Amino acid sequence: MHSNRPRSGSCELAGFDPDFGTELGAMLLDRAPGRVSDQQITTYKAMGIAMEDMVAADLVYRCARRLRKGKLIVL
């Protein structure tokens, strides 16, 4: 039985099935797969842990650089 209420108690994740989710740490430690097809959607929910936020940002940045995607914005 699946509930629409996320296990984390985060209202932002309401409607997401936690059985289809993977935690970033588990993926980085090769304990769980990340996306396995282009049809899957990546959702990142920050939990207020700065190190996790920095690792996630670095992964996205490195991937974008490798794929030559993204846009440089000067602030």
PDB file of N, CA and C in Angstrom:
ATOM      1  N   MET A   1       0.842  -1.176   0.000  1.00  0.00           N
ATOM      2  CA  MET A   1       0.000   0.000   0.000  1.00  0.00           C
ATOM      3  C   MET A   1       0.888   1.240   0.000  1.00  0.00           C
ATOM      4  N   HIS A   2       0.636   2.123  -0.940  1.00  0.00           N
ATOM      5  CA  HIS A   2       1.430   3.345  -1.053  1.00  0.00           C
ATOM      6  C   HIS A   2       0.617   4.528  -0.561  1.00  0.00           C
ATOM      7  N   SER A   3       1.290   5.433   0.071  1.00  0.00           N
ATOM      8  CA  SER A   3       0.657   6.641   0.568  1.00  0.00           C
ATOM      9  C   SER A   3       1.153   7.826  -0.231  1.00  0.00           C
ATOM     10  N   ASN A   4       0.326   8.853  -0.373  1.00  0.00           N
ATOM     11  CA  ASN A   4       0.757  10.081  -1.031  1.00  0.00           C
ATOM     12  C   ASN A   4       1.617  10.923  -0.110  1.00  0.00           C
ATOM     13  N   ARG A   5       1.720  10.531   1.148  1.00  0.00           N
ATOM     14  CA  ARG A   5       2.519  11.264   2.108  1.00  0.00           C
ATOM     15  C   ARG A   5       3.955  10.754   2.070  1.00  0.00           C
ATOM     16  N   PRO A   6       4.914  11.620   1.786  1.00  0.00           N
ATOM     17  CA  PRO A   6       6.308  11.173   1.708  1.00  0.00           C
ATOM     18  C   PRO A   6       6.829  10.715   3.051  1.00  0.00           C
ATOM     19  N   ARG A   7       7.766   9.780   3.024  1.00  0.00           N
ATOM     20  CA  ARG A   7       8.356   9.253   4.252  1.00  0.00           C
ATOM     21  C   ARG A   7       9.117  10.330   5.014  1.00  0.00           C
ATOM     22  N   SER A   8       9.659  11.299   4.296  1.00  0.00           N
ATOM     23  CA  SER A   8      10.456  12.329   4.956  1.00  0.00           C
ATOM     24  C   SER A   8       9.594  13.326   5.705  1.00  0.00           C
ATOM     25  N   GLY A   9       8.293  13.329   5.452  1.00  0.00           N
ATOM     26  CA  GLY A   9       7.415  14.298   6.074  1.00  0.00           C
ATOM     27  C   GLY A   9       7.451  15.639   5.370  1.00  0.00           C
ATOM     28  N   SER A  10       8.129  15.722   4.255  1.00  0.00           N
ATOM     29  CA  SER A  10       8.259  16.965   3.506  1.00  0.00           C
ATOM     30  C   SER A  10       7.068  17.155   2.578  1.00  0.00           C
ATOM     31  N   CYS A  11       6.340  18.256   2.764  1.00  0.00           N
ATOM     32  CA  CYS A  11       5.158  18.503   1.924  1.00  0.00           C
ATOM     33  C   CYS A  11       5.549  18.717   0.460  1.00  0.00           C
ATOM     34  N   GLU A  12       6.784  19.164   0.200  1.00  0.00           N
ATOM     35  CA  GLU A  12       7.219  19.370  -1.186  1.00  0.00           C
ATOM     36  C   GLU A  12       7.293  18.068  -1.972  1.00  0.00           C
ATOM     37  N   LEU A  13       7.413  16.951  -1.282  1.00  0.00           N
ATOM     38  CA  LEU A  13       7.514  15.664  -1.962  1.00  0.00           C
ATOM     39  C   LEU A  13       6.186  14.915  -2.016  1.00  0.00           C
ATOM     40  N   ALA A  14       5.118  15.555  -1.604  1.00  0.00           N
ATOM     41  CA  ALA A  14       3.800  14.912  -1.648  1.00  0.00           C
ATOM     42  C   ALA A  14       3.496  14.503  -3.088  1.00  0.00           C
ATOM     43  N   GLY A  15       3.025  13.290  -3.264  1.00  0.00           N
ATOM     44  CA  GLY A  15       2.711  12.786  -4.597  1.00  0.00           C
ATOM     45  C   GLY A  15       3.823  11.965  -5.218  1.00  0.00           C
ATOM     46  N   PHE A  16       5.027  12.070  -4.683  1.00  0.00           N
ATOM     47  CA  PHE A  16       6.141  11.263  -5.169  1.00  0.00           C
ATOM     48  C   PHE A  16       6.124   9.922  -4.450  1.00  0.00           C
ATOM     49  N   ASP A  17       6.272   8.846  -5.182  1.00  0.00           N
ATOM     50  CA  ASP A  17       6.293   7.514  -4.584  1.00  0.00           C
ATOM     51  C   ASP A  17       7.704   7.244  -4.077  1.00  0.00           C
ATOM     52  N   PRO A  18       7.911   7.144  -2.761  1.00  0.00           N
ATOM     53  CA  PRO A  18       9.261   6.952  -2.226  1.00  0.00           C
ATOM     54  C   PRO A  18       9.895   5.628  -2.646  1.00  0.00           C
ATOM     55  N   ASP A  19       9.087   4.663  -3.090  1.00  0.00           N
ATOM     56  CA  ASP A  19       9.651   3.392  -3.546  1.00  0.00           C
ATOM     57  C   ASP A  19      10.417   3.540  -4.856  1.00  0.00           C
ATOM     58  N   PHE A  20      10.206   4.661  -5.563  1.00  0.00           N
ATOM     59  CA  PHE A  20      10.902   4.890  -6.823  1.00  0.00           C
ATOM     60  C   PHE A  20      12.013   5.919  -6.667  1.00  0.00           C
ATOM     61  N   GLY A  21      12.318   6.286  -5.434  1.00  0.00           N
ATOM     62  CA  GLY A  21      13.350   7.279  -5.178  1.00  0.00           C
ATOM     63  C   GLY A  21      14.657   6.647  -4.768  1.00  0.00           C
ATOM     64  N   THR A  22      15.719   7.407  -4.912  1.00  0.00           N
ATOM     65  CA  THR A  22      17.046   6.995  -4.498  1.00  0.00           C
ATOM     66  C   THR A  22      17.682   8.160  -3.764  1.00  0.00           C
ATOM     67  N   GLU A  23      18.265   7.910  -2.631  1.00  0.00           N
ATOM     68  CA  GLU A  23      18.949   8.978  -1.922  1.00  0.00           C
ATOM     69  C   GLU A  23      20.299   9.242  -2.577  1.00  0.00           C
ATOM     70  N   LEU A  24      20.704  10.495  -2.593  1.00  0.00           N
ATOM     71  CA  LEU A  24      21.954  10.897  -3.234  1.00  0.00           C
ATOM     72  C   LEU A  24      23.145  10.138  -2.653  1.00  0.00           C
ATOM     73  N   GLY A  25      23.201  10.012  -1.342  1.00  0.00           N
ATOM     74  CA  GLY A  25      24.314   9.302  -0.711  1.00  0.00           C
ATOM     75  C   GLY A  25      24.403   7.858  -1.154  1.00  0.00           C
ATOM     76  N   ALA A  26      23.261   7.187  -1.270  1.00  0.00           N
ATOM     77  CA  ALA A  26      23.248   5.787  -1.708  1.00  0.00           C
ATOM     78  C   ALA A  26      23.743   5.674  -3.147  1.00  0.00           C
ATOM     79  N   MET A  27      23.375   6.634  -3.969  1.00  0.00           N
ATOM     80  CA  MET A  27      23.823   6.614  -5.359  1.00  0.00           C
ATOM     81  C   MET A  27      25.334   6.847  -5.445  1.00  0.00           C
ATOM     82  N   LEU A  28      25.841   7.807  -4.666  1.00  0.00           N
ATOM     83  CA  LEU A  28      27.271   8.119  -4.704  1.00  0.00           C
ATOM     84  C   LEU A  28      28.126   6.968  -4.190  1.00  0.00           C
ATOM     85  N   LEU A  29      27.568   6.165  -3.286  1.00  0.00           N
ATOM     86  CA  LEU A  29      28.292   5.027  -2.739  1.00  0.00           C
ATOM     87  C   LEU A  29      28.036   3.748  -3.535  1.00  0.00           C
ATOM     88  N   ASP A  30      27.383   3.863  -4.702  1.00  0.00           N
ATOM     89  CA  ASP A  30      27.053   2.724  -5.562  1.00  0.00           C
ATOM     90  C   ASP A  30      26.190   1.688  -4.850  1.00  0.00           C
ATOM     91  N   ARG A  31      25.360   2.139  -3.922  1.00  0.00           N
ATOM     92  CA  ARG A  31      24.430   1.239  -3.238  1.00  0.00           C
ATOM     93  C   ARG A  31      23.065   1.219  -3.912  1.00  0.00           C
ATOM     94  N   ALA A  32      22.828   2.190  -4.782  1.00  0.00           N
ATOM     95  CA  ALA A  32      21.561   2.283  -5.506  1.00  0.00           C
ATOM     96  C   ALA A  32      21.822   3.001  -6.821  1.00  0.00           C
ATOM     97  N   PRO A  33      21.048   2.668  -7.861  1.00  0.00           N
ATOM     98  CA  PRO A  33      21.251   3.345  -9.144  1.00  0.00           C
ATOM     99  C   PRO A  33      20.655   4.749  -9.134  1.00  0.00           C
ATOM    100  N   GLY A  34      21.187   5.569  -9.980  1.00  0.00           N
ATOM    101  CA  GLY A  34      20.545   6.858 -10.243  1.00  0.00           C
ATOM    102  C   GLY A  34      19.547   6.638 -11.363  1.00  0.00           C
ATOM    103  N   ARG A  35      19.438   7.593 -12.249  1.00  0.00           N
ATOM    104  CA  ARG A  35      18.559   7.408 -13.411  1.00  0.00           C
ATOM    105  C   ARG A  35      19.108   6.298 -14.282  1.00  0.00           C
ATOM    106  N   VAL A  36      18.221   5.482 -14.811  1.00  0.00           N
ATOM    107  CA  VAL A  36      18.644   4.418 -15.719  1.00  0.00           C
ATOM    108  C   VAL A  36      18.099   4.635 -17.123  1.00  0.00           C
ATOM    109  N   SER A  37      17.307   5.692 -17.316  1.00  0.00           N
ATOM    110  CA  SER A  37      16.817   6.023 -18.651  1.00  0.00           C
ATOM    111  C   SER A  37      16.528   7.521 -18.729  1.00  0.00           C
ATOM    112  N   ASP A  38      16.489   8.040 -19.946  1.00  0.00           N
ATOM    113  CA  ASP A  38      16.186   9.454 -20.152  1.00  0.00           C
ATOM    114  C   ASP A  38      14.736   9.776 -19.814  1.00  0.00           C
ATOM    115  N   GLN A  39      13.907   8.760 -19.652  1.00  0.00           N
ATOM    116  CA  GLN A  39      12.498   8.967 -19.336  1.00  0.00           C
ATOM    117  C   GLN A  39      12.276   9.268 -17.852  1.00  0.00           C
ATOM    118  N   GLN A  40      13.263   8.971 -17.029  1.00  0.00           N
ATOM    119  CA  GLN A  40      13.136   9.209 -15.598  1.00  0.00           C
ATOM    120  C   GLN A  40      13.455  10.665 -15.273  1.00  0.00           C
ATOM    121  N   ILE A  41      12.848  11.160 -14.221  1.00  0.00           N
ATOM    122  CA  ILE A  41      13.007  12.547 -13.806  1.00  0.00           C
ATOM    123  C   ILE A  41      13.854  12.598 -12.542  1.00  0.00           C
ATOM    124  N   THR A  42      14.768  13.554 -12.494  1.00  0.00           N
ATOM    125  CA  THR A  42      15.576  13.758 -11.302  1.00  0.00           C
ATOM    126  C   THR A  42      14.958  14.873 -10.480  1.00  0.00           C
ATOM    127  N   THR A  43      14.709  14.591  -9.222  1.00  0.00           N
ATOM    128  CA  THR A  43      14.198  15.591  -8.285  1.00  0.00           C
ATOM    129  C   THR A  43      15.148  15.630  -7.112  1.00  0.00           C
ATOM    130  N   TYR A  44      15.603  16.810  -6.780  1.00  0.00           N
ATOM    131  CA  TYR A  44      16.493  16.951  -5.624  1.00  0.00           C
ATOM    132  C   TYR A  44      15.773  17.763  -4.568  1.00  0.00           C
ATOM    133  N   LYS A  45      15.601  17.196  -3.402  1.00  0.00           N
ATOM    134  CA  LYS A  45      14.982  17.894  -2.281  1.00  0.00           C
ATOM    135  C   LYS A  45      16.063  18.139  -1.238  1.00  0.00           C
ATOM    136  N   ALA A  46      16.455  19.382  -1.101  1.00  0.00           N
ATOM    137  CA  ALA A  46      17.457  19.740  -0.103  1.00  0.00           C
ATOM    138  C   ALA A  46      16.855  19.567   1.289  1.00  0.00           C
ATOM    139  N   MET A  47      17.647  19.013   2.185  1.00  0.00           N
ATOM    140  CA  MET A  47      17.172  18.761   3.542  1.00  0.00           C
ATOM    141  C   MET A  47      17.885  19.653   4.563  1.00  0.00           C
ATOM    142  N   GLY A  48      18.585  20.668   4.070  1.00  0.00           N
ATOM    143  CA  GLY A  48      19.239  21.605   4.970  1.00  0.00           C
ATOM    144  C   GLY A  48      20.622  21.182   5.418  1.00  0.00           C
ATOM    145  N   ILE A  49      21.202  20.192   4.740  1.00  0.00           N
ATOM    146  CA  ILE A  49      22.554  19.748   5.073  1.00  0.00           C
ATOM    147  C   ILE A  49      23.485  20.314   4.012  1.00  0.00           C
ATOM    148  N   ALA A  50      24.278  21.286   4.398  1.00  0.00           N
ATOM    149  CA  ALA A  50      25.092  22.035   3.444  1.00  0.00           C
ATOM    150  C   ALA A  50      26.003  21.148   2.611  1.00  0.00           C
ATOM    151  N   MET A  51      26.616  20.138   3.200  1.00  0.00           N
ATOM    152  CA  MET A  51      27.529  19.271   2.448  1.00  0.00           C
ATOM    153  C   MET A  51      26.783  18.538   1.338  1.00  0.00           C
ATOM    154  N   GLU A  52      25.579  18.056   1.608  1.00  0.00           N
ATOM    155  CA  GLU A  52      24.801  17.386   0.560  1.00  0.00           C
ATOM    156  C   GLU A  52      24.460  18.361  -0.562  1.00  0.00           C
ATOM    157  N   ASP A  53      24.115  19.586  -0.211  1.00  0.00           N
ATOM    158  CA  ASP A  53      23.804  20.596  -1.222  1.00  0.00           C
ATOM    159  C   ASP A  53      25.027  20.894  -2.088  1.00  0.00           C
ATOM    160  N   MET A  54      26.204  20.987  -1.456  1.00  0.00           N
ATOM    161  CA  MET A  54      27.432  21.255  -2.215  1.00  0.00           C
ATOM    162  C   MET A  54      27.778  20.092  -3.145  1.00  0.00           C
ATOM    163  N   VAL A  55      27.622  18.866  -2.671  1.00  0.00           N
ATOM    164  CA  VAL A  55      27.914  17.699  -3.505  1.00  0.00           C
ATOM    165  C   VAL A  55      26.948  17.649  -4.683  1.00  0.00           C
ATOM    166  N   ALA A  56      25.667  17.890  -4.435  1.00  0.00           N
ATOM    167  CA  ALA A  56      24.679  17.877  -5.519  1.00  0.00           C
ATOM    168  C   ALA A  56      24.993  18.950  -6.556  1.00  0.00           C
ATOM    169  N   ALA A  57      25.312  20.136  -6.100  1.00  0.00           N
ATOM    170  CA  ALA A  57      25.641  21.220  -7.026  1.00  0.00           C
ATOM    171  C   ALA A  57      26.884  20.883  -7.837  1.00  0.00           C
ATOM    172  N   ASP A  58      27.891  20.309  -7.202  1.00  0.00           N
ATOM    173  CA  ASP A  58      29.118  19.949  -7.907  1.00  0.00           C
ATOM    174  C   ASP A  58      28.853  18.872  -8.956  1.00  0.00           C
ATOM    175  N   LEU A  59      28.024  17.881  -8.624  1.00  0.00           N
ATOM    176  CA  LEU A  59      27.691  16.827  -9.592  1.00  0.00           C
ATOM    177  C   LEU A  59      26.991  17.414 -10.820  1.00  0.00           C
ATOM    178  N   VAL A  60      26.047  18.290 -10.579  1.00  0.00           N
ATOM    179  CA  VAL A  60      25.322  18.918 -11.694  1.00  0.00           C
ATOM    180  C   VAL A  60      26.271  19.761 -12.533  1.00  0.00           C
ATOM    181  N   TYR A  61      27.115  20.549 -11.883  1.00  0.00           N
ATOM    182  CA  TYR A  61      28.076  21.401 -12.583  1.00  0.00           C
ATOM    183  C   TYR A  61      29.029  20.575 -13.447  1.00  0.00           C
ATOM    184  N   ARG A  62      29.603  19.527 -12.871  1.00  0.00           N
ATOM    185  CA  ARG A  62      30.556  18.699 -13.623  1.00  0.00           C
ATOM    186  C   ARG A  62      29.891  18.011 -14.810  1.00  0.00           C
ATOM    187  N   CYS A  63      28.672  17.541 -14.603  1.00  0.00           N
ATOM    188  CA  CYS A  63      27.945  16.891 -15.699  1.00  0.00           C
ATOM    189  C   CYS A  63      27.650  17.900 -16.808  1.00  0.00           C
ATOM    190  N   ALA A  64      27.220  19.090 -16.438  1.00  0.00           N
ATOM    191  CA  ALA A  64      26.929  20.120 -17.434  1.00  0.00           C
ATOM    192  C   ALA A  64      28.185  20.495 -18.217  1.00  0.00           C
ATOM    193  N   ARG A  65      29.309  20.615 -17.537  1.00  0.00           N
ATOM    194  CA  ARG A  65      30.567  20.926 -18.216  1.00  0.00           C
ATOM    195  C   ARG A  65      30.957  19.813 -19.182  1.00  0.00           C
ATOM    196  N   ARG A  66      30.835  18.566 -18.718  1.00  0.00           N
ATOM    197  CA  ARG A  66      31.197  17.420 -19.552  1.00  0.00           C
ATOM    198  C   ARG A  66      30.327  17.358 -20.803  1.00  0.00           C
ATOM    199  N   LEU A  67      29.035  17.666 -20.658  1.00  0.00           N
ATOM    200  CA  LEU A  67      28.102  17.608 -21.785  1.00  0.00           C
ATOM    201  C   LEU A  67      28.034  18.918 -22.563  1.00  0.00           C
ATOM    202  N   ARG A  68      28.810  19.900 -22.102  1.00  0.00           N
ATOM    203  CA  ARG A  68      28.803  21.241 -22.711  1.00  0.00           C
ATOM    204  C   ARG A  68      27.396  21.825 -22.767  1.00  0.00           C
ATOM    205  N   LYS A  69      26.715  21.708 -21.631  1.00  0.00           N
ATOM    206  CA  LYS A  69      25.349  22.235 -21.489  1.00  0.00           C
ATOM    207  C   LYS A  69      25.375  23.376 -20.482  1.00  0.00           C
ATOM    208  N   GLY A  70      24.319  24.117 -20.464  1.00  0.00           N
ATOM    209  CA  GLY A  70      24.192  25.191 -19.490  1.00  0.00           C
ATOM    210  C   GLY A  70      24.541  26.527 -20.102  1.00  0.00           C
ATOM    211  N   LYS A  71      24.517  27.527 -19.266  1.00  0.00           N
ATOM    212  CA  LYS A  71      24.732  28.889 -19.724  1.00  0.00           C
ATOM    213  C   LYS A  71      25.468  29.661 -18.625  1.00  0.00           C
ATOM    214  N   LEU A  72      26.493  30.385 -18.990  1.00  0.00           N
ATOM    215  CA  LEU A  72      27.233  31.198 -18.042  1.00  0.00           C
ATOM    216  C   LEU A  72      26.460  32.487 -17.799  1.00  0.00           C
ATOM    217  N   ILE A  73      26.227  32.778 -16.533  1.00  0.00           N
ATOM    218  CA  ILE A  73      25.513  33.994 -16.167  1.00  0.00           C
ATOM    219  C   ILE A  73      26.435  34.804 -15.263  1.00  0.00           C
ATOM    220  N   VAL A  74      26.685  36.041 -15.646  1.00  0.00           N
ATOM    221  CA  VAL A  74      27.530  36.919 -14.863  1.00  0.00           C
ATOM    222  C   VAL A  74      26.621  37.759 -13.961  1.00  0.00           C
ATOM    223  N   LEU A  75      26.885  37.700 -12.668  1.00  0.00           N
ATOM    224  CA  LEU A  75      26.071  38.475 -11.704  1.00  0.00           C
ATOM    225  C   LEU A  75      26.753  39.738 -11.310  1.00  0.00           C
TER     226      LEU A  75
END
